[in-house]
Amino acid sequence: MFLKDRDIRDQLLIKDRAIASSIQGIGIGDLEGNITYVNDAALRMWGALDPSEVLGRSALEFAKSHEEAVRVIETILKKGSWEGEIAGWRKDGSPIIVHLSANIVYNDRGEPICIMDSFIDITDRKKMEEELRIKDFAIASSIQGIGIGDLEGNITYVNDAALRMWGALDPSEVLGRSALEFAKSHEEAVRVIETILEKGSWEDEIAGWRKDGSPIIVHLAANIVYNDHGEPVCIMVSFIDITDRKKMEEDLRIKDFAIASSIDAIVIGDLDGNITYVNRAFLNMWGDDDPEMVIGRPVISFARSRDFAHQVIESVIREGSWYGELEGVKKDKSTVTVLLAANLVTDAAGRAVCMMGTVVDITERKNAQKQLEKYNEELETRVAERTRALVTANERLITEIEERKEIEKSLRQKEEELRMQSLNLKETNTALKILLKQREQDKEDIEEKVLTNMKELVIPYIETLKNTTLDKKQKAYVDILESNIFNILSPYMKKLSTLYQSFTPMQIQIADLVKAGKTTKEMSELLNLSDRAIEFHRNSIRDKLGLKNKKINLRSYLLSLSK
């Protein structure tokens, strides 16, 4: 029994020494939170040298927030333990943050007898974390693009400004990719990385491409980041988008070249009126090629009237611009007349920075204008003389015009009389033409009737008579009768012959009988021919008239030709 108690005491002694020498702060308090024990580590954390400075005091006194400390004790008593971070004050009043683990200690009967705390001072770590958070926030919210990459140039971090410059919305579009992909020149980007790895840093301008393919120029500052052992761990770059600035610089270079090479003389001066720049055209106008002979001189020294030049400068400063003519003096003291357009140049904030003038030599134009005015005066004199001569001539002309008007009036009366006579003649001619046309029509109608009557009422019977039994004397009389009839009808047969000029005499007779409406049988009896002979002649007539194989009535066609 004695040995057992001794073993227990030894074990307790070991545990006590372990707690006392622990690098963690350890404290024990009663169930009301009053401190009954602290080890040396706890004293050092608080800044005390003797336990008497702590023992018997409430743990609530050392907390930064009394309310938070009360909630922690209540949680320990309710749940048996609590773990977390809590802020307090050291003995000297400086802040301290500890990671606290607290639990209730129970006796052999399971009854709570005290509270035991172990805590670690994390003040420096929390301060370092806060500083890191601040730095991280500063990097993330920087208006400069900031990126971090490994030593091979692969991107591991970019801030929002870098994403906006490239035109991306999410870091996943960039992270893990090689920085070489974003450079306009792969070879140049490789040389930059090699320089950073060799010298530790690099700074200059470099061109690249945005996400949408548009060009971008950045001013890049890159350096290697080393750990506490001096070993390189990554590459950090900060860059500023200078695309607009480079474009503006290029625009300024173009404008500067345009001003320098302008055919108009251009001069720039400060607000006191002293010349700070002139282009080649101004020097040529002044009569020299050395800018140093002009730079620094007052603008008014080139004016013939300095008072007027002062007024011009005051107007430019007051109104912002001035436009007009003035006389200047060249290097050789000769006078030059110029057209000046002067204006006040302001910066982006609207502050006046200098004056600029465009000068055009109009001396020759002014001389020409004076000469023109002289010519105009002479011309006006000549015009006045000529006008007087023209007035006299006009008066004579008016008289002649009046006489001509009388003559024209008489002529118009004659013309009207002739017109009426001509109209009467035209009406008479028209009436005669109508009568002649009617006479011709009557003649044709008579001829047609005579011809038709003879062919229908006389010739068929003569043909029939010829086919009868006649003696020689009767036959001779019939022939003479037929010949005389045809002689009588010959003037009327002319039109028919014209229509049937390619027909044989027999075909003409048959065509005429067809027009008369005779049938094949009637024509064969009249002409003493067979029906087949009549049909042969009818087909020949259709062929000559171009009616073969056409469904056109022969009689209707022949009637249409005779109209």
Protein backbone atom coordinates (compact mmCIF):
# COMPACT_ATOMS: atom_id res chain seq x y z
CA MET A 1 0.00 0.00 0.00
CA PHE A 2 2.85 2.31 0.90
CA LEU A 3 4.60 1.52 -2.39
CA LYS A 4 1.45 2.21 -4.36
CA ASP A 5 1.00 5.64 -2.80
CA ARG A 6 4.65 6.37 -3.46
CA ASP A 7 4.23 5.45 -7.14
CA ILE A 8 1.24 7.76 -7.39
CA ARG A 9 3.21 10.58 -5.80
CA ASP A 10 6.08 10.02 -8.26
CA GLN A 11 3.70 10.06 -11.21
CA LEU A 12 2.05 13.24 -9.95
CA LEU A 13 5.44 14.82 -9.44
CA ILE A 14 6.42 13.96 -13.02
CA LYS A 15 3.15 15.41 -14.35
CA ASP A 16 3.60 18.52 -12.23
CA ARG A 17 7.11 19.06 -13.54
CA ALA A 18 5.90 18.44 -17.12
CA ILE A 19 3.17 21.06 -16.74
CA ALA A 20 5.54 23.52 -15.06
CA SER A 21 8.22 23.16 -17.78
CA SER A 22 5.80 23.08 -20.77
CA ILE A 23 6.46 25.68 -23.48
CA GLN A 24 2.71 26.12 -23.72
CA GLY A 25 1.06 28.34 -21.17
CA ILE A 26 -0.99 26.24 -18.72
CA GLY A 27 -3.35 27.55 -16.09
CA ILE A 28 -5.84 26.06 -13.64
CA GLY A 29 -8.84 27.85 -12.17
CA ASP A 30 -11.86 27.11 -10.07
CA LEU A 31 -15.33 26.75 -11.57
CA GLU A 32 -15.94 30.52 -11.14
CA GLY A 33 -12.94 31.31 -13.31
CA ASN A 34 -10.53 32.39 -10.56
CA ILE A 35 -6.91 31.40 -11.27
CA THR A 36 -5.34 28.86 -8.89
CA TYR A 37 -2.23 27.86 -10.89
CA VAL A 38 -0.08 29.07 -13.81
CA ASN A 39 3.17 27.66 -15.18
CA ASP A 40 6.25 29.71 -16.12
CA ALA A 41 5.30 29.82 -19.82
CA ALA A 42 1.96 31.40 -18.88
CA LEU A 43 3.73 33.97 -16.66
CA ARG A 44 6.15 34.88 -19.47
CA MET A 45 3.30 35.30 -21.94
CA TRP A 46 1.55 37.71 -19.59
CA GLY A 47 4.84 39.48 -18.72
CA ALA A 48 4.95 38.58 -14.98
CA LEU A 49 7.83 37.20 -12.90
CA ASP A 50 5.99 35.74 -9.93
CA PRO A 51 2.80 33.63 -9.73
CA SER A 52 1.52 35.86 -6.93
CA GLU A 53 0.81 38.53 -9.55
CA VAL A 54 -1.77 36.20 -11.12
CA LEU A 55 -3.05 33.70 -8.59
CA GLY A 56 -6.47 34.45 -7.09
CA ARG A 57 -7.44 36.84 -9.89
CA SER A 58 -10.37 36.19 -12.22
CA ALA A 59 -9.48 35.07 -15.75
CA LEU A 60 -11.98 37.65 -16.99
CA GLU A 61 -9.53 40.45 -16.04
CA PHE A 62 -7.03 39.31 -18.68
CA ALA A 63 -9.54 39.21 -21.59
CA LYS A 64 -9.84 42.06 -24.08
CA SER A 65 -13.62 41.53 -24.19
CA HIS A 66 -15.29 40.78 -20.82
CA GLU A 67 -18.47 39.63 -22.57
CA GLU A 68 -16.57 37.20 -24.81
CA ALA A 69 -14.68 35.74 -21.81
CA VAL A 70 -17.98 35.21 -19.94
CA ARG A 71 -19.43 33.37 -22.98
CA VAL A 72 -16.31 31.15 -23.11
CA ILE A 73 -16.61 30.15 -19.37
CA GLU A 74 -20.33 29.51 -19.79
CA THR A 75 -19.61 27.27 -22.79
CA ILE A 76 -16.94 25.34 -20.83
CA LEU A 77 -19.30 24.78 -17.90
CA LYS A 78 -22.12 23.78 -20.22
CA LYS A 79 -20.28 21.61 -22.75
CA GLY A 80 -17.19 20.64 -20.77
CA SER A 81 -14.65 22.23 -23.14
CA TRP A 82 -13.92 25.10 -25.53
CA GLU A 83 -11.21 25.77 -28.14
CA GLY A 84 -10.50 28.86 -30.19
CA GLU A 85 -8.69 32.17 -30.45
CA ILE A 86 -9.21 34.92 -27.88
CA ALA A 87 -7.64 38.35 -27.41
CA GLY A 88 -6.39 39.81 -24.13
CA TRP A 89 -3.97 42.26 -22.51
CA ARG A 90 -0.45 41.69 -21.14
CA LYS A 91 0.71 43.14 -17.86
CA ASP A 92 2.22 46.17 -19.66
CA GLY A 93 -1.08 46.80 -21.50
CA SER A 94 0.09 45.51 -24.88
CA PRO A 95 -2.34 43.26 -26.78
CA ILE A 96 -1.96 39.48 -26.94
CA ILE A 97 -3.83 36.82 -28.92
CA VAL A 98 -3.73 33.19 -27.76
CA HIS A 99 -5.06 29.92 -29.09
CA LEU A 100 -6.91 28.55 -26.02
CA SER A 101 -7.94 24.96 -25.24
CA ALA A 102 -9.97 24.70 -22.01
CA ASN A 103 -11.76 21.80 -20.36
CA ILE A 104 -13.31 20.83 -17.02
CA VAL A 105 -11.31 18.46 -14.75
CA TYR A 106 -13.39 15.79 -12.96
CA ASN A 107 -12.55 13.74 -9.79
CA ASP A 108 -12.90 9.97 -9.41
CA ARG A 109 -16.60 10.37 -8.69
CA GLY A 110 -17.13 12.35 -11.97
CA GLU A 111 -17.60 15.62 -10.19
CA PRO A 112 -16.18 18.83 -11.75
CA ILE A 113 -13.45 20.22 -9.55
CA CYS A 114 -11.66 22.83 -11.71
CA ILE A 115 -10.98 24.22 -15.18
CA MET A 116 -7.65 23.67 -16.96
CA ASP A 117 -6.44 25.87 -19.81
CA SER A 118 -3.56 25.47 -22.25
CA PHE A 119 -2.76 28.34 -24.56
CA ILE A 120 -0.20 29.33 -27.19
CA ASP A 121 0.79 32.94 -27.94
CA ILE A 122 -0.19 33.48 -31.60
CA THR A 123 0.11 37.28 -31.49
CA ASP A 124 3.11 37.40 -33.88
CA ARG A 125 1.53 34.83 -36.18
CA LYS A 126 -1.76 36.77 -36.28
CA LYS A 127 0.16 39.99 -36.92
CA MET A 128 2.06 38.30 -39.73
CA GLU A 129 -1.18 36.89 -41.15
CA GLU A 130 -2.75 40.35 -40.99
CA GLU A 131 0.27 41.86 -42.71
CA LEU A 132 0.06 39.13 -45.36
CA ARG A 133 -3.67 39.81 -45.80
CA ILE A 134 -2.96 43.52 -46.18
CA LYS A 135 -0.23 42.83 -48.72
CA ASP A 136 -2.46 40.35 -50.54
CA PHE A 137 -5.30 42.89 -50.61
CA ALA A 138 -2.88 45.60 -51.74
CA ILE A 139 -1.66 43.38 -54.59
CA ALA A 140 -5.19 42.28 -55.51
CA SER A 141 -6.57 45.83 -55.50
CA SER A 142 -3.54 47.48 -57.11
CA ILE A 143 -4.28 49.55 -60.22
CA GLN A 144 -1.09 48.08 -61.65
CA GLY A 145 -1.22 44.65 -63.17
CA ILE A 146 0.62 42.18 -60.92
CA GLY A 147 1.42 38.61 -61.73
CA ILE A 148 3.43 35.79 -60.15
CA GLY A 149 4.90 32.86 -62.00
CA ASP A 150 7.23 29.95 -61.40
CA LEU A 151 10.84 29.99 -62.57
CA GLU A 152 9.79 28.45 -65.92
CA GLY A 153 7.48 31.39 -66.62
CA ASN A 154 4.16 29.64 -65.93
CA ILE A 155 1.59 31.96 -64.36
CA THR A 156 0.45 31.09 -60.81
CA TYR A 157 -1.29 34.35 -59.79
CA VAL A 158 -2.73 37.49 -61.42
CA ASN A 159 -4.64 40.37 -59.84
CA ASP A 160 -7.82 41.95 -61.19
CA ALA A 161 -5.94 44.79 -62.88
CA ALA A 162 -3.90 42.25 -64.88
CA LEU A 163 -7.07 40.41 -65.89
CA ARG A 164 -8.71 43.67 -67.03
CA MET A 165 -5.65 44.62 -69.07
CA TRP A 166 -5.73 41.28 -70.86
CA GLY A 167 -9.53 41.38 -71.24
CA ALA A 168 -10.37 38.33 -69.09
CA LEU A 169 -13.07 37.95 -66.43
CA ASP A 170 -11.79 34.92 -64.52
CA PRO A 171 -8.23 33.98 -63.38
CA SER A 172 -8.81 30.44 -64.70
CA GLU A 173 -8.38 31.85 -68.21
CA VAL A 174 -4.77 32.75 -67.36
CA LEU A 175 -3.46 30.57 -64.51
CA GLY A 176 -1.19 27.72 -65.54
CA ARG A 177 -0.43 29.23 -68.96
CA SER A 178 3.06 30.28 -70.00
CA ALA A 179 3.74 34.02 -69.99
CA LEU A 180 5.31 33.50 -73.43
CA GLU A 181 1.82 33.03 -74.91
CA PHE A 182 0.88 36.63 -74.20
CA ALA A 183 3.96 38.20 -75.82
CA LYS A 184 3.88 39.60 -79.35
CA SER A 185 7.40 38.27 -79.93
CA HIS A 186 8.11 34.81 -78.52
CA GLU A 187 11.85 35.32 -78.96
CA GLU A 188 11.82 38.64 -77.08
CA ALA A 189 9.85 37.10 -74.19
CA VAL A 190 12.35 34.23 -73.93
CA ARG A 191 15.23 36.76 -73.75
CA VAL A 192 13.40 38.67 -70.96
CA ILE A 193 12.94 35.53 -68.82
CA GLU A 194 16.57 34.54 -69.40
CA THR A 195 17.67 38.02 -68.28
CA ILE A 196 15.51 37.84 -65.12
CA LEU A 197 16.96 34.42 -64.21
CA GLU A 198 20.51 35.62 -64.93
CA LYS A 199 20.44 39.10 -63.37
CA GLY A 200 17.55 38.82 -60.95
CA SER A 201 15.39 41.54 -62.53
CA TRP A 202 14.35 43.25 -65.80
CA GLU A 203 12.48 46.48 -66.57
CA ASP A 204 11.40 47.90 -69.95
CA GLU A 205 8.54 48.06 -72.43
CA ILE A 206 7.20 44.95 -74.14
CA ALA A 207 4.41 44.34 -76.65
CA GLY A 208 1.76 41.65 -76.41
CA TRP A 209 -1.76 40.62 -77.40
CA ARG A 210 -5.00 40.95 -75.45
CA LYS A 211 -7.55 38.13 -75.29
CA ASP A 212 -9.51 39.62 -78.22
CA GLY A 213 -6.36 39.81 -80.37
CA SER A 214 -5.89 43.56 -80.06
CA PRO A 215 -2.31 44.79 -79.41
CA ILE A 216 -1.14 46.01 -75.99
CA ILE A 217 2.11 47.61 -74.84
CA VAL A 218 3.08 47.44 -71.15
CA HIS A 219 5.90 48.82 -69.03
CA LEU A 220 7.08 45.68 -67.22
CA ALA A 221 9.13 45.45 -64.01
CA ALA A 222 10.05 41.86 -63.10
CA ASN A 223 12.22 40.37 -60.36
CA ILE A 224 12.97 37.04 -58.70
CA VAL A 225 11.46 36.42 -55.25
CA TYR A 226 13.77 34.62 -52.75
CA ASN A 227 12.87 32.67 -49.58
CA ASP A 228 14.50 33.10 -46.14
CA HIS A 229 17.37 30.87 -47.26
CA GLY A 230 18.12 33.05 -50.28
CA GLU A 231 16.72 30.48 -52.71
CA PRO A 232 14.68 31.70 -55.75
CA VAL A 233 11.06 30.58 -55.43
CA CYS A 234 9.15 32.54 -58.09
CA ILE A 235 9.12 35.53 -60.45
CA MET A 236 6.96 38.56 -59.67
CA VAL A 237 6.05 41.13 -62.32
CA SER A 238 4.21 44.43 -62.16
CA PHE A 239 3.11 46.13 -65.35
CA ILE A 240 1.28 49.24 -66.53
CA ASP A 241 -0.72 49.45 -69.74
CA ILE A 242 1.02 52.17 -71.78
CA THR A 243 -0.74 51.38 -75.08
CA ASP A 244 -2.65 54.67 -75.11
CA ARG A 245 0.43 56.58 -73.99
CA LYS A 246 2.53 55.01 -76.76
CA LYS A 247 -0.19 55.81 -79.28
CA MET A 248 -0.33 59.37 -77.95
CA GLU A 249 3.46 59.61 -78.20
CA GLU A 250 3.26 58.35 -81.77
CA ASP A 251 0.50 60.85 -82.53
CA LEU A 252 2.63 63.60 -80.99
CA ARG A 253 5.61 62.52 -83.10
CA ILE A 254 3.45 62.63 -86.22
CA LYS A 255 2.05 66.03 -85.25
CA ASP A 256 5.56 67.28 -84.43
CA PHE A 257 6.77 66.11 -87.84
CA ALA A 258 3.71 67.67 -89.49
CA ILE A 259 4.39 70.99 -87.75
CA ALA A 260 8.10 70.86 -88.56
CA SER A 261 7.47 70.05 -92.24
CA SER A 262 4.41 72.29 -92.71
CA ILE A 263 4.56 74.77 -95.60
CA ASP A 264 2.91 77.27 -93.24
CA ALA A 265 5.15 79.08 -90.79
CA ILE A 266 4.42 77.94 -87.22
CA VAL A 267 5.65 79.63 -84.04
CA ILE A 268 5.16 78.65 -80.38
CA GLY A 269 5.78 81.00 -77.47
CA ASP A 270 5.40 81.10 -73.71
CA LEU A 271 2.69 83.11 -71.97
CA ASP A 272 5.06 86.13 -71.81
CA GLY A 273 5.30 86.15 -75.59
CA ASN A 274 8.86 84.78 -75.89
CA ILE A 275 9.47 82.34 -78.75
CA THR A 276 10.19 78.73 -77.72
CA TYR A 277 9.84 76.99 -81.12
CA VAL A 278 9.71 77.83 -84.84
CA ASN A 279 9.54 75.48 -87.82
CA ARG A 280 11.60 75.59 -91.02
CA ALA A 281 8.91 77.57 -92.90
CA PHE A 282 9.09 80.36 -90.30
CA LEU A 283 12.88 80.55 -90.63
CA ASN A 284 12.58 80.68 -94.42
CA MET A 285 10.00 83.47 -94.16
CA TRP A 286 12.23 85.44 -91.76
CA GLY A 287 15.27 84.90 -93.96
CA ASP A 288 17.58 82.66 -91.93
CA ASP A 289 18.17 78.95 -91.29
CA ASP A 290 19.42 79.05 -87.68
CA PRO A 291 16.69 78.56 -85.01
CA GLU A 292 19.03 79.99 -82.35
CA MET A 293 18.69 83.39 -84.04
CA VAL A 294 14.97 83.31 -83.21
CA ILE A 295 14.42 81.15 -80.10
CA GLY A 296 14.09 83.24 -76.95
CA ARG A 297 13.26 86.49 -78.71
CA PRO A 298 9.95 88.29 -78.00
CA VAL A 299 7.32 87.70 -80.66
CA ILE A 300 6.65 91.43 -80.86
CA SER A 301 10.23 92.02 -82.12
CA PHE A 302 9.14 90.62 -85.49
CA ALA A 303 6.17 93.00 -85.81
CA ARG A 304 6.37 96.32 -87.62
CA SER A 305 4.04 97.81 -84.99
CA ARG A 306 4.92 96.56 -81.50
CA ASP A 307 1.85 98.23 -79.99
CA PHE A 308 -0.42 96.31 -82.35
CA ALA A 309 1.51 93.10 -81.57
CA HIS A 310 0.94 93.70 -77.83
CA GLN A 311 -2.78 94.05 -78.50
CA VAL A 312 -2.78 90.75 -80.42
CA ILE A 313 -1.06 88.90 -77.52
CA GLU A 314 -3.48 90.39 -74.98
CA SER A 315 -6.42 89.33 -77.17
CA VAL A 316 -5.10 85.75 -77.41
CA ILE A 317 -4.67 85.50 -73.61
CA ARG A 318 -8.06 87.13 -72.94
CA GLU A 319 -10.20 85.58 -75.71
CA GLY A 320 -8.24 82.41 -76.38
CA SER A 321 -7.55 83.18 -80.06
CA TRP A 322 -6.94 85.94 -82.65
CA TYR A 323 -7.15 85.92 -86.44
CA GLY A 324 -6.17 88.65 -88.85
CA GLU A 325 -3.48 90.39 -90.91
CA LEU A 326 -0.41 92.23 -89.64
CA GLU A 327 2.89 93.46 -91.00
CA GLY A 328 6.19 91.97 -89.94
CA VAL A 329 9.86 92.74 -90.44
CA LYS A 330 12.30 90.23 -91.94
CA LYS A 331 15.95 89.80 -90.99
CA ASP A 332 16.96 92.05 -93.92
CA LYS A 333 14.56 94.76 -92.60
CA SER A 334 12.14 94.30 -95.50
CA THR A 335 8.41 94.31 -94.75
CA VAL A 336 6.22 91.22 -95.05
CA THR A 337 2.43 91.06 -94.75
CA VAL A 338 1.18 87.92 -93.02
CA LEU A 339 -2.12 86.28 -92.13
CA LEU A 340 -1.87 85.17 -88.48
CA ALA A 341 -4.05 82.58 -86.71
CA ALA A 342 -3.03 82.58 -83.03
CA ASN A 343 -4.56 80.60 -80.18
CA LEU A 344 -3.96 79.75 -76.55
CA VAL A 345 -2.86 76.14 -75.89
CA THR A 346 -4.24 74.56 -72.70
CA ASP A 347 -3.51 71.32 -70.84
CA ALA A 348 -6.02 68.62 -69.90
CA ALA A 349 -7.10 70.66 -66.88
CA GLY A 350 -7.81 73.71 -69.03
CA ARG A 351 -4.75 75.64 -67.81
CA ALA A 352 -2.97 77.81 -70.37
CA VAL A 353 0.52 76.51 -71.11
CA CYS A 354 1.64 78.39 -74.22
CA MET A 355 0.60 80.30 -77.33
CA MET A 356 0.75 78.97 -80.89
CA GLY A 357 0.50 80.85 -84.13
CA THR A 358 0.22 79.83 -87.79
CA VAL A 359 1.65 82.43 -90.15
CA VAL A 360 1.03 82.65 -93.91
CA ASP A 361 2.98 85.10 -96.09
CA ILE A 362 0.38 87.04 -98.10
CA THR A 363 2.70 89.80 -99.31
CA GLU A 364 2.40 88.82 -102.96
CA ARG A 365 -1.34 88.43 -102.58
CA LYS A 366 -1.64 91.87 -101.01
CA ASN A 367 0.51 93.39 -103.79
CA ALA A 368 -1.64 91.61 -106.35
CA GLN A 369 -4.73 92.88 -104.56
CA LYS A 370 -3.43 96.48 -104.72
CA GLN A 371 -2.62 96.04 -108.40
CA LEU A 372 -6.08 94.58 -108.91
CA GLU A 373 -7.63 97.56 -107.16
CA LYS A 374 -5.69 99.86 -109.50
CA TYR A 375 -6.88 97.89 -112.50
CA ASN A 376 -10.41 98.01 -111.12
CA GLU A 377 -10.26 101.80 -110.88
CA GLU A 378 -9.05 102.02 -114.49
CA LEU A 379 -11.69 99.52 -115.50
CA GLU A 380 -14.41 101.56 -113.79
CA THR A 381 -13.30 104.64 -115.77
CA ARG A 382 -13.39 102.67 -119.01
CA VAL A 383 -16.73 101.17 -118.06
CA ALA A 384 -18.17 104.65 -117.41
CA GLU A 385 -16.96 105.85 -120.84
CA ARG A 386 -18.22 102.71 -122.48
CA THR A 387 -21.54 103.05 -120.65
CA ARG A 388 -22.06 106.53 -122.04
CA ALA A 389 -21.33 105.25 -125.56
CA LEU A 390 -23.70 102.36 -124.99
CA VAL A 391 -26.47 104.70 -123.81
CA THR A 392 -26.18 106.65 -127.08
CA ALA A 393 -26.10 103.45 -129.08
CA ASN A 394 -29.08 102.12 -127.12
CA GLU A 395 -31.09 105.22 -127.93
CA ARG A 396 -30.39 104.71 -131.64
CA LEU A 397 -31.18 101.06 -131.28
CA ILE A 398 -34.51 101.81 -129.56
CA THR A 399 -35.49 104.03 -132.50
CA GLU A 400 -34.52 101.27 -134.96
CA ILE A 401 -36.43 98.74 -132.88
CA GLU A 402 -39.58 100.86 -133.00
CA GLU A 403 -39.24 101.16 -136.78
CA ARG A 404 -38.68 97.40 -137.04
CA LYS A 405 -41.72 96.78 -134.87
CA GLU A 406 -43.88 98.74 -137.38
CA ILE A 407 -42.38 96.79 -140.27
CA GLU A 408 -42.89 93.50 -138.40
CA LYS A 409 -46.50 94.49 -137.69
CA SER A 410 -47.07 95.10 -141.41
CA LEU A 411 -45.35 91.81 -142.25
CA ARG A 412 -47.50 89.94 -139.75
CA GLN A 413 -50.63 91.37 -141.42
CA LYS A 414 -49.33 90.21 -144.83
CA GLU A 415 -48.47 86.82 -143.38
CA GLU A 416 -51.99 86.50 -141.94
CA GLU A 417 -53.50 87.31 -145.32
CA LEU A 418 -51.23 84.75 -147.01
CA ARG A 419 -52.05 82.22 -144.32
CA MET A 420 -55.80 82.66 -144.97
CA GLN A 421 -55.24 82.32 -148.72
CA SER A 422 -53.12 79.22 -148.15
CA LEU A 423 -55.80 77.78 -145.89
CA ASN A 424 -58.45 78.37 -148.57
CA LEU A 425 -56.22 76.69 -151.18
CA LYS A 426 -55.69 73.74 -148.88
CA GLU A 427 -59.42 73.35 -148.37
CA THR A 428 -60.00 73.59 -152.13
CA ASN A 429 -57.25 70.99 -152.79
CA THR A 430 -58.77 68.72 -150.20
CA ALA A 431 -62.18 68.96 -151.84
CA LEU A 432 -60.65 68.29 -155.28
CA LYS A 433 -58.76 65.29 -153.93
CA ILE A 434 -61.96 63.93 -152.46
CA LEU A 435 -63.77 64.43 -155.78
CA LEU A 436 -60.92 62.85 -157.76
CA LYS A 437 -60.79 59.94 -155.38
CA GLN A 438 -64.56 59.51 -155.66
CA ARG A 439 -64.29 59.72 -159.47
CA GLU A 440 -61.55 57.10 -159.46
CA GLN A 441 -63.66 54.88 -157.22
CA ASP A 442 -66.68 55.35 -159.47
CA LYS A 443 -64.52 54.49 -162.47
CA GLU A 444 -63.26 51.34 -160.80
CA ASP A 445 -66.81 50.39 -159.82
CA ILE A 446 -68.01 50.87 -163.42
CA GLU A 447 -65.07 48.85 -164.78
CA GLU A 448 -65.75 46.13 -162.27
CA LYS A 449 -69.43 46.01 -163.20
CA VAL A 450 -68.71 45.98 -166.94
CA LEU A 451 -66.10 43.29 -166.56
CA THR A 452 -68.29 41.21 -164.28
CA ASN A 453 -71.35 41.49 -166.52
CA MET A 454 -69.40 40.58 -169.60
CA LYS A 455 -67.77 37.61 -167.91
CA GLU A 456 -71.01 36.40 -166.41
CA LEU A 457 -73.57 37.34 -169.03
CA VAL A 458 -71.74 37.32 -172.37
CA ILE A 459 -68.50 35.33 -172.42
CA PRO A 460 -69.96 32.07 -171.03
CA TYR A 461 -72.55 32.03 -173.85
CA ILE A 462 -69.96 32.75 -176.49
CA GLU A 463 -67.95 29.82 -175.16
CA THR A 464 -71.05 27.66 -175.23
CA LEU A 465 -71.83 28.84 -178.72
CA LYS A 466 -68.34 27.95 -179.88
CA ASN A 467 -68.80 24.44 -178.60
CA THR A 468 -71.95 23.95 -180.63
CA THR A 469 -72.12 22.79 -184.28
CA LEU A 470 -71.39 25.87 -186.37
CA ASP A 471 -70.52 26.27 -190.00
CA LYS A 472 -67.40 28.13 -190.99
CA LYS A 473 -69.16 31.41 -191.52
CA GLN A 474 -70.94 31.22 -188.14
CA LYS A 475 -67.69 30.21 -186.44
CA ALA A 476 -65.92 33.16 -188.05
CA TYR A 477 -68.60 35.54 -186.78
CA VAL A 478 -68.28 34.07 -183.26
CA ASP A 479 -64.48 34.52 -183.35
CA ILE A 480 -64.83 38.11 -184.53
CA LEU A 481 -67.43 38.73 -181.82
CA GLU A 482 -65.16 37.23 -179.13
CA SER A 483 -62.14 39.24 -180.37
CA ASN A 484 -64.07 42.51 -180.38
CA ILE A 485 -65.46 41.81 -176.92
CA PHE A 486 -61.93 41.21 -175.55
CA ASN A 487 -60.71 44.37 -177.29
CA ILE A 488 -63.50 46.30 -175.59
CA LEU A 489 -62.64 44.66 -172.21
CA SER A 490 -58.83 45.00 -172.55
CA PRO A 491 -58.63 48.29 -170.52
CA TYR A 492 -60.63 46.61 -167.76
CA MET A 493 -58.53 43.43 -167.88
CA LYS A 494 -55.32 45.37 -167.05
CA LYS A 495 -55.90 45.22 -163.30
CA LEU A 496 -56.75 41.54 -163.44
CA SER A 497 -53.63 40.82 -165.49
CA THR A 498 -51.52 42.58 -162.87
CA LEU A 499 -52.91 40.36 -160.16
CA TYR A 500 -52.54 37.23 -162.28
CA GLN A 501 -49.45 38.12 -164.27
CA SER A 502 -47.95 34.62 -163.76
CA PHE A 503 -51.22 32.87 -164.79
CA THR A 504 -51.92 31.34 -168.21
CA PRO A 505 -54.99 32.69 -170.12
CA MET A 506 -56.90 29.55 -169.15
CA GLN A 507 -55.91 29.96 -165.48
CA ILE A 508 -57.08 33.59 -165.58
CA GLN A 509 -60.50 32.47 -166.95
CA ILE A 510 -60.80 29.76 -164.30
CA ALA A 511 -59.71 32.15 -161.49
CA ASP A 512 -62.33 34.63 -162.63
CA LEU A 513 -65.02 31.89 -162.67
CA VAL A 514 -63.96 30.80 -159.16
CA LYS A 515 -64.41 34.39 -157.99
CA ALA A 516 -67.82 34.36 -159.64
CA GLY A 517 -68.74 31.35 -157.47
CA LYS A 518 -68.90 28.76 -160.32
CA THR A 519 -68.58 25.09 -159.40
CA THR A 520 -66.15 22.73 -161.10
CA LYS A 521 -68.98 21.16 -163.11
CA GLU A 522 -70.28 24.55 -164.22
CA MET A 523 -66.79 25.64 -165.32
CA SER A 524 -66.21 22.36 -167.25
CA GLU A 525 -69.45 22.90 -169.19
CA LEU A 526 -68.65 26.58 -169.90
CA LEU A 527 -65.05 25.92 -170.96
CA ASN A 528 -65.74 22.55 -172.55
CA LEU A 529 -63.10 20.89 -170.35
CA SER A 530 -63.16 17.80 -168.17
CA ASP A 531 -63.61 18.03 -164.40
CA ARG A 532 -60.06 16.70 -163.91
CA ALA A 533 -58.68 19.46 -166.17
CA ILE A 534 -60.56 22.09 -164.11
CA GLU A 535 -59.17 20.61 -160.81
CA PHE A 536 -55.63 20.57 -162.31
CA HIS A 537 -55.88 24.29 -163.15
CA ARG A 538 -57.35 25.10 -159.70
CA ASN A 539 -54.39 23.33 -157.97
CA SER A 540 -51.93 25.19 -160.23
CA ILE A 541 -53.60 28.51 -159.25
CA ARG A 542 -53.29 27.67 -155.47
CA ASP A 543 -49.66 26.70 -155.98
CA LYS A 544 -48.80 30.02 -157.75
CA LEU A 545 -50.65 31.98 -155.06
CA GLY A 546 -48.72 30.15 -152.29
CA LEU A 547 -51.83 28.44 -150.92
CA LYS A 548 -50.69 24.86 -151.38
CA ASN A 549 -51.24 22.72 -148.29
CA LYS A 550 -52.99 25.64 -146.58
CA LYS A 551 -56.55 25.60 -145.35
CA ILE A 552 -57.53 28.82 -147.16
CA ASN A 553 -60.60 29.10 -149.40
CA LEU A 554 -59.45 29.96 -152.97
CA ARG A 555 -62.53 32.10 -153.83
CA SER A 556 -62.22 34.15 -150.58
CA TYR A 557 -58.53 34.76 -151.27
CA LEU A 558 -59.15 35.85 -154.90
CA LEU A 559 -61.92 38.20 -153.79
CA SER A 560 -59.55 39.78 -151.23
CA LEU A 561 -56.91 40.41 -153.99
CA SER A 562 -59.37 42.30 -156.20
CA LYS A 563 -60.36 44.82 -153.50
